[in-house]
Amino acid sequence: MFAAIKDFLFGPSTPVSQDILDNIKRTVKDHKVVVFSSSYCPYCTSTQKLLQSLNQEATIVEATNEMKRGLSEITGQRTVPNIFISGKHIGGNSHIQDLHRSGELKALLA
């Protein structure tokens, strides 16, 4: 049953294409702040609003199911938002909000 739910949420358990993995890595490398997101996700919206409030430009990527599976392979995180700053995986919305509250986010964005 879990496999059926996993396949529904993340697509079938086929290997992620190397093109998708390369595209993710290239996007992260080429942009200072990258948020892999879903338009229906309130946590993604919260992350984007935080970055906007800090006047921080970010590359927002609407993540397909295959991209989410690729991100899971790369980061171990299966959910969005999946956030990278200066090539470093930050985590999700709760992680970036914690970094903001602690004052560490501004240093990462500098």
PDB file of N, CA and C in Angstrom:
ATOM      1  N   MET A   1       0.824  -1.192   0.000  1.00  0.00           N
ATOM      2  CA  MET A   1       0.000   0.000   0.000  1.00  0.00           C
ATOM      3  C   MET A   1       0.871   1.260   0.000  1.00  0.00           C
ATOM      4  N   PHE A   2       1.931   1.264   0.833  1.00  0.00           N
ATOM      5  CA  PHE A   2       2.822   2.429   0.873  1.00  0.00           C
ATOM      6  C   PHE A   2       3.418   2.710  -0.495  1.00  0.00           C
ATOM      7  N   ALA A   3       3.798   1.673  -1.216  1.00  0.00           N
ATOM      8  CA  ALA A   3       4.381   1.860  -2.551  1.00  0.00           C
ATOM      9  C   ALA A   3       3.383   2.526  -3.483  1.00  0.00           C
ATOM     10  N   ALA A   4       2.110   2.160  -3.389  1.00  0.00           N
ATOM     11  CA  ALA A   4       1.084   2.778  -4.235  1.00  0.00           C
ATOM     12  C   ALA A   4       0.926   4.258  -3.901  1.00  0.00           C
ATOM     13  N   ILE A   5       0.958   4.596  -2.637  1.00  0.00           N
ATOM     14  CA  ILE A   5       0.860   6.004  -2.216  1.00  0.00           C
ATOM     15  C   ILE A   5       2.097   6.760  -2.684  1.00  0.00           C
ATOM     16  N   LYS A   6       3.264   6.167  -2.499  1.00  0.00           N
ATOM     17  CA  LYS A   6       4.515   6.794  -2.935  1.00  0.00           C
ATOM     18  C   LYS A   6       4.488   7.038  -4.441  1.00  0.00           C
ATOM     19  N   ASP A   7       4.039   6.039  -5.210  1.00  0.00           N
ATOM     20  CA  ASP A   7       3.958   6.206  -6.661  1.00  0.00           C
ATOM     21  C   ASP A   7       2.965   7.296  -7.036  1.00  0.00           C
ATOM     22  N   PHE A   8       1.855   7.388  -6.320  1.00  0.00           N
ATOM     23  CA  PHE A   8       0.871   8.435  -6.593  1.00  0.00           C
ATOM     24  C   PHE A   8       1.470   9.819  -6.334  1.00  0.00           C
ATOM     25  N   LEU A   9       2.182   9.963  -5.229  1.00  0.00           N
ATOM     26  CA  LEU A   9       2.746  11.263  -4.864  1.00  0.00           C
ATOM     27  C   LEU A   9       3.964  11.631  -5.701  1.00  0.00           C
ATOM     28  N   PHE A  10       4.813  10.682  -5.974  1.00  0.00           N
ATOM     29  CA  PHE A  10       6.104  10.977  -6.595  1.00  0.00           C
ATOM     30  C   PHE A  10       6.290  10.344  -7.967  1.00  0.00           C
ATOM     31  N   GLY A  11       5.292   9.648  -8.460  1.00  0.00           N
ATOM     32  CA  GLY A  11       5.419   8.983  -9.750  1.00  0.00           C
ATOM     33  C   GLY A  11       5.990   7.589  -9.565  1.00  0.00           C
ATOM     34  N   PRO A  12       5.999   6.810 -10.626  1.00  0.00           N
ATOM     35  CA  PRO A  12       6.496   5.438 -10.520  1.00  0.00           C
ATOM     36  C   PRO A  12       7.970   5.388 -10.122  1.00  0.00           C
ATOM     37  N   SER A  13       8.353   4.281  -9.520  1.00  0.00           N
ATOM     38  CA  SER A  13       9.708   4.141  -8.986  1.00  0.00           C
ATOM     39  C   SER A  13      10.719   3.742 -10.050  1.00  0.00           C
ATOM     40  N   THR A  14      10.697   4.431 -11.164  1.00  0.00           N
ATOM     41  CA  THR A  14      11.702   4.207 -12.194  1.00  0.00           C
ATOM     42  C   THR A  14      12.865   5.146 -11.931  1.00  0.00           C
ATOM     43  N   PRO A  15      14.038   4.798 -12.410  1.00  0.00           N
ATOM     44  CA  PRO A  15      15.187   5.682 -12.187  1.00  0.00           C
ATOM     45  C   PRO A  15      14.948   7.069 -12.797  1.00  0.00           C
ATOM     46  N   VAL A  16      15.446   8.069 -12.122  1.00  0.00           N
ATOM     47  CA  VAL A  16      15.360   9.443 -12.613  1.00  0.00           C
ATOM     48  C   VAL A  16      16.381   9.597 -13.731  1.00  0.00           C
ATOM     49  N   SER A  17      15.965  10.233 -14.816  1.00  0.00           N
ATOM     50  CA  SER A  17      16.883  10.387 -15.950  1.00  0.00           C
ATOM     51  C   SER A  17      18.067  11.272 -15.560  1.00  0.00           C
ATOM     52  N   GLN A  18      19.190  10.976 -16.163  1.00  0.00           N
ATOM     53  CA  GLN A  18      20.392  11.763 -15.914  1.00  0.00           C
ATOM     54  C   GLN A  18      20.189  13.200 -16.355  1.00  0.00           C
ATOM     55  N   ASP A  19      19.395  13.419 -17.406  1.00  0.00           N
ATOM     56  CA  ASP A  19      19.103  14.779 -17.866  1.00  0.00           C
ATOM     57  C   ASP A  19      18.417  15.601 -16.776  1.00  0.00           C
ATOM     58  N   ILE A  20      17.477  14.997 -16.072  1.00  0.00           N
ATOM     59  CA  ILE A  20      16.778  15.706 -14.986  1.00  0.00           C
ATOM     60  C   ILE A  20      17.762  16.029 -13.872  1.00  0.00           C
ATOM     61  N   LEU A  21      18.562  15.061 -13.475  1.00  0.00           N
ATOM     62  CA  LEU A  21      19.547  15.293 -12.413  1.00  0.00           C
ATOM     63  C   LEU A  21      20.532  16.389 -12.814  1.00  0.00           C
ATOM     64  N   ASP A  22      20.998  16.346 -14.051  1.00  0.00           N
ATOM     65  CA  ASP A  22      21.933  17.372 -14.540  1.00  0.00           C
ATOM     66  C   ASP A  22      21.272  18.742 -14.578  1.00  0.00           C
ATOM     67  N   ASN A  23      20.014  18.799 -14.979  1.00  0.00           N
ATOM     68  CA  ASN A  23      19.283  20.055 -15.031  1.00  0.00           C
ATOM     69  C   ASN A  23      19.143  20.664 -13.632  1.00  0.00           C
ATOM     70  N   ILE A  24      18.822  19.847 -12.650  1.00  0.00           N
ATOM     71  CA  ILE A  24      18.714  20.322 -11.264  1.00  0.00           C
ATOM     72  C   ILE A  24      20.062  20.886 -10.807  1.00  0.00           C
ATOM     73  N   LYS A  25      21.111  20.120 -11.006  1.00  0.00           N
ATOM     74  CA  LYS A  25      22.451  20.538 -10.564  1.00  0.00           C
ATOM     75  C   LYS A  25      22.901  21.817 -11.269  1.00  0.00           C
ATOM     76  N   ARG A  26      22.611  21.916 -12.557  1.00  0.00           N
ATOM     77  CA  ARG A  26      22.988  23.115 -13.319  1.00  0.00           C
ATOM     78  C   ARG A  26      22.210  24.338 -12.819  1.00  0.00           C
ATOM     79  N   THR A  27      20.930  24.172 -12.572  1.00  0.00           N
ATOM     80  CA  THR A  27      20.107  25.276 -12.066  1.00  0.00           C
ATOM     81  C   THR A  27      20.634  25.764 -10.731  1.00  0.00           C
ATOM     82  N   VAL A  28      20.954  24.844  -9.839  1.00  0.00           N
ATOM     83  CA  VAL A  28      21.488  25.202  -8.516  1.00  0.00           C
ATOM     84  C   VAL A  28      22.827  25.916  -8.660  1.00  0.00           C
ATOM     85  N   LYS A  29      23.660  25.444  -9.570  1.00  0.00           N
ATOM     86  CA  LYS A  29      24.993  26.035  -9.775  1.00  0.00           C
ATOM     87  C   LYS A  29      24.897  27.441 -10.382  1.00  0.00           C
ATOM     88  N   ASP A  30      23.938  27.641 -11.278  1.00  0.00           N
ATOM     89  CA  ASP A  30      23.851  28.883 -12.043  1.00  0.00           C
ATOM     90  C   ASP A  30      23.109  30.019 -11.342  1.00  0.00           C
ATOM     91  N   HIS A  31      22.475  29.753 -10.207  1.00  0.00           N
ATOM     92  CA  HIS A  31      21.671  30.778  -9.532  1.00  0.00           C
ATOM     93  C   HIS A  31      21.978  30.794  -8.038  1.00  0.00           C
ATOM     94  N   LYS A  32      22.025  31.983  -7.472  1.00  0.00           N
ATOM     95  CA  LYS A  32      22.359  32.117  -6.053  1.00  0.00           C
ATOM     96  C   LYS A  32      21.298  31.481  -5.154  1.00  0.00           C
ATOM     97  N   VAL A  33      20.024  31.794  -5.422  1.00  0.00           N
ATOM     98  CA  VAL A  33      18.938  31.244  -4.616  1.00  0.00           C
ATOM     99  C   VAL A  33      17.975  30.518  -5.549  1.00  0.00           C
ATOM    100  N   VAL A  34      17.742  29.243  -5.262  1.00  0.00           N
ATOM    101  CA  VAL A  34      16.819  28.434  -6.063  1.00  0.00           C
ATOM    102  C   VAL A  34      15.807  27.788  -5.125  1.00  0.00           C
ATOM    103  N   VAL A  35      14.542  27.924  -5.504  1.00  0.00           N
ATOM    104  CA  VAL A  35      13.460  27.282  -4.756  1.00  0.00           C
ATOM    105  C   VAL A  35      12.719  26.373  -5.725  1.00  0.00           C
ATOM    106  N   PHE A  36      12.826  25.073  -5.517  1.00  0.00           N
ATOM    107  CA  PHE A  36      12.019  24.118  -6.269  1.00  0.00           C
ATOM    108  C   PHE A  36      10.687  24.069  -5.544  1.00  0.00           C
ATOM    109  N   SER A  37       9.617  24.320  -6.280  1.00  0.00           N
ATOM    110  CA  SER A  37       8.341  24.668  -5.675  1.00  0.00           C
ATOM    111  C   SER A  37       7.189  23.979  -6.387  1.00  0.00           C
ATOM    112  N   SER A  38       6.005  24.085  -5.798  1.00  0.00           N
ATOM    113  CA  SER A  38       4.740  23.709  -6.429  1.00  0.00           C
ATOM    114  C   SER A  38       3.761  24.843  -6.203  1.00  0.00           C
ATOM    115  N   SER A  39       3.034  25.201  -7.229  1.00  0.00           N
ATOM    116  CA  SER A  39       2.150  26.369  -7.158  1.00  0.00           C
ATOM    117  C   SER A  39       1.042  26.215  -6.116  1.00  0.00           C
ATOM    118  N   TYR A  40       0.645  25.003  -5.803  1.00  0.00           N
ATOM    119  CA  TYR A  40      -0.434  24.761  -4.848  1.00  0.00           C
ATOM    120  C   TYR A  40       0.048  24.628  -3.404  1.00  0.00           C
ATOM    121  N   CYS A  41       1.324  24.781  -3.167  1.00  0.00           N
ATOM    122  CA  CYS A  41       1.920  24.498  -1.860  1.00  0.00           C
ATOM    123  C   CYS A  41       1.995  25.756  -0.991  1.00  0.00           C
ATOM    124  N   PRO A  42       1.294  25.790   0.138  1.00  0.00           N
ATOM    125  CA  PRO A  42       1.347  26.978   1.001  1.00  0.00           C
ATOM    126  C   PRO A  42       2.727  27.212   1.620  1.00  0.00           C
ATOM    127  N   TYR A  43       3.495  26.158   1.831  1.00  0.00           N
ATOM    128  CA  TYR A  43       4.839  26.322   2.385  1.00  0.00           C
ATOM    129  C   TYR A  43       5.769  26.972   1.360  1.00  0.00           C
ATOM    130  N   CYS A  44       5.556  26.637   0.083  1.00  0.00           N
ATOM    131  CA  CYS A  44       6.324  27.268  -0.993  1.00  0.00           C
ATOM    132  C   CYS A  44       6.005  28.753  -1.058  1.00  0.00           C
ATOM    133  N   THR A  45       4.736  29.081  -0.931  1.00  0.00           N
ATOM    134  CA  THR A  45       4.311  30.481  -0.934  1.00  0.00           C
ATOM    135  C   THR A  45       4.942  31.227   0.231  1.00  0.00           C
ATOM    136  N   SER A  46       4.983  30.606   1.403  1.00  0.00           N
ATOM    137  CA  SER A  46       5.586  31.223   2.583  1.00  0.00           C
ATOM    138  C   SER A  46       7.076  31.489   2.362  1.00  0.00           C
ATOM    139  N   THR A  47       7.770  30.533   1.766  1.00  0.00           N
ATOM    140  CA  THR A  47       9.196  30.711   1.459  1.00  0.00           C
ATOM    141  C   THR A  47       9.394  31.869   0.495  1.00  0.00           C
ATOM    142  N   GLN A  48       8.579  31.917  -0.551  1.00  0.00           N
ATOM    143  CA  GLN A  48       8.707  32.977  -1.547  1.00  0.00           C
ATOM    144  C   GLN A  48       8.410  34.348  -0.937  1.00  0.00           C
ATOM    145  N   LYS A  49       7.410  34.419  -0.066  1.00  0.00           N
ATOM    146  CA  LYS A  49       7.089  35.690   0.595  1.00  0.00           C
ATOM    147  C   LYS A  49       8.234  36.149   1.498  1.00  0.00           C
ATOM    148  N   LEU A  50       8.857  35.220   2.198  1.00  0.00           N
ATOM    149  CA  LEU A  50       9.999  35.574   3.042  1.00  0.00           C
ATOM    150  C   LEU A  50      11.122  36.156   2.194  1.00  0.00           C
ATOM    151  N   LEU A  51      11.456  35.496   1.110  1.00  0.00           N
ATOM    152  CA  LEU A  51      12.534  35.984   0.251  1.00  0.00           C
ATOM    153  C   LEU A  51      12.181  37.345  -0.350  1.00  0.00           C
ATOM    154  N   GLN A  52      10.937  37.537  -0.735  1.00  0.00           N
ATOM    155  CA  GLN A  52      10.497  38.835  -1.264  1.00  0.00           C
ATOM    156  C   GLN A  52      10.614  39.917  -0.205  1.00  0.00           C
ATOM    157  N   SER A  53      10.251  39.596   1.045  1.00  0.00           N
ATOM    158  CA  SER A  53      10.325  40.582   2.124  1.00  0.00           C
ATOM    159  C   SER A  53      11.762  41.020   2.393  1.00  0.00           C
ATOM    160  N   LEU A  54      12.713  40.176   2.024  1.00  0.00           N
ATOM    161  CA  LEU A  54      14.134  40.481   2.183  1.00  0.00           C
ATOM    162  C   LEU A  54      14.724  41.069   0.903  1.00  0.00           C
ATOM    163  N   ASN A  55      13.855  41.347  -0.069  1.00  0.00           N
ATOM    164  CA  ASN A  55      14.288  41.858  -1.385  1.00  0.00           C
ATOM    165  C   ASN A  55      15.322  40.948  -2.027  1.00  0.00           C
ATOM    166  N   GLN A  56      15.147  39.649  -1.824  1.00  0.00           N
ATOM    167  CA  GLN A  56      16.079  38.666  -2.361  1.00  0.00           C
ATOM    168  C   GLN A  56      15.509  38.053  -3.636  1.00  0.00           C
ATOM    169  N   GLU A  57      16.226  38.225  -4.723  1.00  0.00           N
ATOM    170  CA  GLU A  57      15.829  37.593  -5.973  1.00  0.00           C
ATOM    171  C   GLU A  57      16.066  36.094  -5.844  1.00  0.00           C
ATOM    172  N   ALA A  58      15.111  35.325  -6.349  1.00  0.00           N
ATOM    173  CA  ALA A  58      15.230  33.872  -6.296  1.00  0.00           C
ATOM    174  C   ALA A  58      14.729  33.283  -7.603  1.00  0.00           C
ATOM    175  N   THR A  59      15.332  32.193  -7.990  1.00  0.00           N
ATOM    176  CA  THR A  59      14.861  31.435  -9.139  1.00  0.00           C
ATOM    177  C   THR A  59      13.876  30.409  -8.613  1.00  0.00           C
ATOM    178  N   ILE A  60      12.625  30.532  -9.049  1.00  0.00           N
ATOM    179  CA  ILE A  60      11.566  29.624  -8.615  1.00  0.00           C
ATOM    180  C   ILE A  60      11.333  28.626  -9.743  1.00  0.00           C
ATOM    181  N   VAL A  61      11.446  27.352  -9.432  1.00  0.00           N
ATOM    182  CA  VAL A  61      11.270  26.296 -10.420  1.00  0.00           C
ATOM    183  C   VAL A  61      10.052  25.475 -10.025  1.00  0.00           C
ATOM    184  N   GLU A  62       9.072  25.428 -10.915  1.00  0.00           N
ATOM    185  CA  GLU A  62       7.896  24.573 -10.700  1.00  0.00           C
ATOM    186  C   GLU A  62       8.358  23.129 -10.885  1.00  0.00           C
ATOM    187  N   ALA A  63       8.409  22.393  -9.801  1.00  0.00           N
ATOM    188  CA  ALA A  63       8.994  21.049  -9.811  1.00  0.00           C
ATOM    189  C   ALA A  63       7.984  20.008 -10.290  1.00  0.00           C
ATOM    190  N   THR A  64       8.363  19.289 -11.318  1.00  0.00           N
ATOM    191  CA  THR A  64       7.567  18.156 -11.785  1.00  0.00           C
ATOM    192  C   THR A  64       7.776  16.988 -10.825  1.00  0.00           C
ATOM    193  N   ASN A  65       6.959  15.957 -10.967  1.00  0.00           N
ATOM    194  CA  ASN A  65       7.150  14.773 -10.124  1.00  0.00           C
ATOM    195  C   ASN A  65       8.529  14.164 -10.333  1.00  0.00           C
ATOM    196  N   GLU A  66       8.991  14.140 -11.578  1.00  0.00           N
ATOM    197  CA  GLU A  66      10.323  13.571 -11.834  1.00  0.00           C
ATOM    198  C   GLU A  66      11.409  14.434 -11.192  1.00  0.00           C
ATOM    199  N   MET A  67      11.241  15.752 -11.232  1.00  0.00           N
ATOM    200  CA  MET A  67      12.207  16.637 -10.569  1.00  0.00           C
ATOM    201  C   MET A  67      12.204  16.392  -9.064  1.00  0.00           C
ATOM    202  N   LYS A  68      11.024  16.209  -8.484  1.00  0.00           N
ATOM    203  CA  LYS A  68      10.942  15.933  -7.042  1.00  0.00           C
ATOM    204  C   LYS A  68      11.670  14.650  -6.702  1.00  0.00           C
ATOM    205  N   ARG A  69      11.531  13.642  -7.553  1.00  0.00           N
ATOM    206  CA  ARG A  69      12.257  12.389  -7.325  1.00  0.00           C
ATOM    207  C   ARG A  69      13.759  12.610  -7.455  1.00  0.00           C
ATOM    208  N   GLY A  70      14.167  13.431  -8.426  1.00  0.00           N
ATOM    209  CA  GLY A  70      15.582  13.753  -8.588  1.00  0.00           C
ATOM    210  C   GLY A  70      16.121  14.517  -7.393  1.00  0.00           C
ATOM    211  N   LEU A  71      15.338  15.475  -6.913  1.00  0.00           N
ATOM    212  CA  LEU A  71      15.747  16.226  -5.716  1.00  0.00           C
ATOM    213  C   LEU A  71      15.879  15.304  -4.517  1.00  0.00           C
ATOM    214  N   SER A  72      14.976  14.332  -4.426  1.00  0.00           N
ATOM    215  CA  SER A  72      15.059  13.360  -3.336  1.00  0.00           C
ATOM    216  C   SER A  72      16.355  12.560  -3.422  1.00  0.00           C
ATOM    217  N   GLU A  73      16.736  12.174  -4.632  1.00  0.00           N
ATOM    218  CA  GLU A  73      18.006  11.449  -4.808  1.00  0.00           C
ATOM    219  C   GLU A  73      19.197  12.318  -4.411  1.00  0.00           C
ATOM    220  N   ILE A  74      19.148  13.593  -4.768  1.00  0.00           N
ATOM    221  CA  ILE A  74      20.270  14.501  -4.527  1.00  0.00           C
ATOM    222  C   ILE A  74      20.343  14.928  -3.069  1.00  0.00           C
ATOM    223  N   THR A  75      19.195  15.254  -2.469  1.00  0.00           N
ATOM    224  CA  THR A  75      19.190  15.866  -1.138  1.00  0.00           C
ATOM    225  C   THR A  75      18.642  14.973  -0.030  1.00  0.00           C
ATOM    226  N   GLY A  76      17.885  13.944  -0.397  1.00  0.00           N
ATOM    227  CA  GLY A  76      17.211  13.132   0.612  1.00  0.00           C
ATOM    228  C   GLY A  76      15.882  13.730   1.047  1.00  0.00           C
ATOM    229  N   GLN A  77      15.549  14.898   0.539  1.00  0.00           N
ATOM    230  CA  GLN A  77      14.292  15.574   0.883  1.00  0.00           C
ATOM    231  C   GLN A  77      13.290  15.330  -0.232  1.00  0.00           C
ATOM    232  N   ARG A  78      12.103  14.803   0.119  1.00  0.00           N
ATOM    233  CA  ARG A  78      11.105  14.473  -0.892  1.00  0.00           C
ATOM    234  C   ARG A  78      10.021  15.532  -1.041  1.00  0.00           C
ATOM    235  N   THR A  79      10.089  16.605  -0.265  1.00  0.00           N
ATOM    236  CA  THR A  79       9.027  17.599  -0.277  1.00  0.00           C
ATOM    237  C   THR A  79       9.513  18.922  -0.869  1.00  0.00           C
ATOM    238  N   VAL A  80       8.550  19.765  -1.223  1.00  0.00           N
ATOM    239  CA  VAL A  80       8.835  21.132  -1.636  1.00  0.00           C
ATOM    240  C   VAL A  80       8.248  22.060  -0.579  1.00  0.00           C
ATOM    241  N   PRO A  81       8.816  23.244  -0.422  1.00  0.00           N
ATOM    242  CA  PRO A  81       9.920  23.767  -1.200  1.00  0.00           C
ATOM    243  C   PRO A  81      11.225  23.050  -0.851  1.00  0.00           C
ATOM    244  N   ASN A  82      12.077  23.006  -1.835  1.00  0.00           N
ATOM    245  CA  ASN A  82      13.404  22.436  -1.690  1.00  0.00           C
ATOM    246  C   ASN A  82      14.350  23.572  -2.067  1.00  0.00           C
ATOM    247  N   ILE A  83      15.053  24.111  -1.090  1.00  0.00           N
ATOM    248  CA  ILE A  83      15.736  25.397  -1.219  1.00  0.00           C
ATOM    249  C   ILE A  83      17.254  25.220  -1.226  1.00  0.00           C
ATOM    250  N   PHE A  84      17.892  25.974  -2.143  1.00  0.00           N
ATOM    251  CA  PHE A  84      19.345  26.014  -2.230  1.00  0.00           C
ATOM    252  C   PHE A  84      19.793  27.469  -2.206  1.00  0.00           C
ATOM    253  N   ILE A  85      20.852  27.744  -1.459  1.00  0.00           N
ATOM    254  CA  ILE A  85      21.462  29.074  -1.436  1.00  0.00           C
ATOM    255  C   ILE A  85      22.953  28.897  -1.675  1.00  0.00           C
ATOM    256  N   SER A  86      23.450  29.591  -2.693  1.00  0.00           N
ATOM    257  CA  SER A  86      24.869  29.507  -3.084  1.00  0.00           C
ATOM    258  C   SER A  86      25.330  28.062  -3.251  1.00  0.00           C
ATOM    259  N   GLY A  87      24.479  27.254  -3.873  1.00  0.00           N
ATOM    260  CA  GLY A  87      24.818  25.868  -4.145  1.00  0.00           C
ATOM    261  C   GLY A  87      24.633  24.917  -2.984  1.00  0.00           C
ATOM    262  N   LYS A  88      24.289  25.443  -1.813  1.00  0.00           N
ATOM    263  CA  LYS A  88      24.132  24.610  -0.616  1.00  0.00           C
ATOM    264  C   LYS A  88      22.654  24.326  -0.380  1.00  0.00           C
ATOM    265  N   HIS A  89      22.343  23.061  -0.121  1.00  0.00           N
ATOM    266  CA  HIS A  89      20.965  22.686   0.187  1.00  0.00           C
ATOM    267  C   HIS A  89      20.607  23.182   1.583  1.00  0.00           C
ATOM    268  N   ILE A  90      19.549  23.985   1.656  1.00  0.00           N
ATOM    269  CA  ILE A  90      19.105  24.563   2.928  1.00  0.00           C
ATOM    270  C   ILE A  90      18.053  23.685   3.591  1.00  0.00           C
ATOM    271  N   GLY A  91      17.169  23.107   2.782  1.00  0.00           N
ATOM    272  CA  GLY A  91      16.070  22.304   3.301  1.00  0.00           C
ATOM    273  C   GLY A  91      14.759  22.861   2.799  1.00  0.00           C
ATOM    274  N   GLY A  92      13.755  22.845   3.662  1.00  0.00           N
ATOM    275  CA  GLY A  92      12.427  23.305   3.292  1.00  0.00           C
ATOM    276  C   GLY A  92      12.059  24.607   3.971  1.00  0.00           C
ATOM    277  N   ASN A  93      10.760  24.902   3.961  1.00  0.00           N
ATOM    278  CA  ASN A  93      10.275  26.160   4.518  1.00  0.00           C
ATOM    279  C   ASN A  93      10.625  26.319   5.994  1.00  0.00           C
ATOM    280  N   SER A  94      10.431  25.288   6.778  1.00  0.00           N
ATOM    281  CA  SER A  94      10.725  25.424   8.214  1.00  0.00           C
ATOM    282  C   SER A  94      12.203  25.740   8.435  1.00  0.00           C
ATOM    283  N   HIS A  95      13.062  25.180   7.599  1.00  0.00           N
ATOM    284  CA  HIS A  95      14.499  25.439   7.738  1.00  0.00           C
ATOM    285  C   HIS A  95      14.840  26.894   7.425  1.00  0.00           C
ATOM    286  N   ILE A  96      14.292  27.413   6.326  1.00  0.00           N
ATOM    287  CA  ILE A  96      14.613  28.793   5.961  1.00  0.00           C
ATOM    288  C   ILE A  96      13.988  29.771   6.961  1.00  0.00           C
ATOM    289  N   GLN A  97      12.813  29.443   7.482  1.00  0.00           N
ATOM    290  CA  GLN A  97      12.188  30.307   8.496  1.00  0.00           C
ATOM    291  C   GLN A  97      13.034  30.314   9.774  1.00  0.00           C
ATOM    292  N   ASP A  98      13.547  29.150  10.172  1.00  0.00           N
ATOM    293  CA  ASP A  98      14.420  29.080  11.357  1.00  0.00           C
ATOM    294  C   ASP A  98      15.697  29.890  11.141  1.00  0.00           C
ATOM    295  N   LEU A  99      16.274  29.789   9.945  1.00  0.00           N
ATOM    296  CA  LEU A  99      17.477  30.572   9.640  1.00  0.00           C
ATOM    297  C   LEU A  99      17.187  32.070   9.710  1.00  0.00           C
ATOM    298  N   HIS A 100      16.017  32.462   9.259  1.00  0.00           N
ATOM    299  CA  HIS A 100      15.634  33.874   9.308  1.00  0.00           C
ATOM    300  C   HIS A 100      15.481  34.339  10.760  1.00  0.00           C
ATOM    301  N   ARG A 101      14.773  33.559  11.569  1.00  0.00           N
ATOM    302  CA  ARG A 101      14.560  33.923  12.981  1.00  0.00           C
ATOM    303  C   ARG A 101      15.877  34.022  13.749  1.00  0.00           C
ATOM    304  N   SER A 102      16.826  33.165  13.410  1.00  0.00           N
ATOM    305  CA  SER A 102      18.104  33.159  14.129  1.00  0.00           C
ATOM    306  C   SER A 102      19.067  34.233  13.615  1.00  0.00           C
ATOM    307  N   GLY A 103      18.713  34.867  12.483  1.00  0.00           N
ATOM    308  CA  GLY A 103      19.585  35.879  11.911  1.00  0.00           C
ATOM    309  C   GLY A 103      20.632  35.318  10.950  1.00  0.00           C
ATOM    310  N   GLU A 104      20.662  34.006  10.790  1.00  0.00           N
ATOM    311  CA  GLU A 104      21.674  33.377   9.933  1.00  0.00           C
ATOM    312  C   GLU A 104      21.354  33.516   8.441  1.00  0.00           C
ATOM    313  N   LEU A 105      20.094  33.714   8.089  1.00  0.00           N
ATOM    314  CA  LEU A 105      19.725  33.771   6.682  1.00  0.00           C
ATOM    315  C   LEU A 105      20.358  34.951   5.967  1.00  0.00           C
ATOM    316  N   LYS A 106      20.370  36.110   6.609  1.00  0.00           N
ATOM    317  CA  LYS A 106      20.961  37.296   5.958  1.00  0.00           C
ATOM    318  C   LYS A 106      22.425  37.057   5.614  1.00  0.00           C
ATOM    319  N   ALA A 107      23.143  36.388   6.485  1.00  0.00           N
ATOM    320  CA  ALA A 107      24.559  36.094   6.207  1.00  0.00           C
ATOM    321  C   ALA A 107      24.681  35.150   5.004  1.00  0.00           C
ATOM    322  N   LEU A 108      23.799  34.177   4.910  1.00  0.00           N
ATOM    323  CA  LEU A 108      23.835  33.244   3.775  1.00  0.00           C
ATOM    324  C   LEU A 108      23.517  33.950   2.459  1.00  0.00           C
ATOM    325  N   LEU A 109      22.648  34.961   2.534  1.00  0.00           N
ATOM    326  CA  LEU A 109      22.224  35.666   1.329  1.00  0.00           C
ATOM    327  C   LEU A 109      23.197  36.771   0.912  1.00  0.00           C
ATOM    328  N   ALA A 110      24.098  37.141   1.822  1.00  0.00           N
ATOM    329  CA  ALA A 110      25.037  38.249   1.533  1.00  0.00           C
ATOM    330  C   ALA A 110      26.043  37.872   0.471  1.00  0.00           C
TER     331      ALA A 110
END
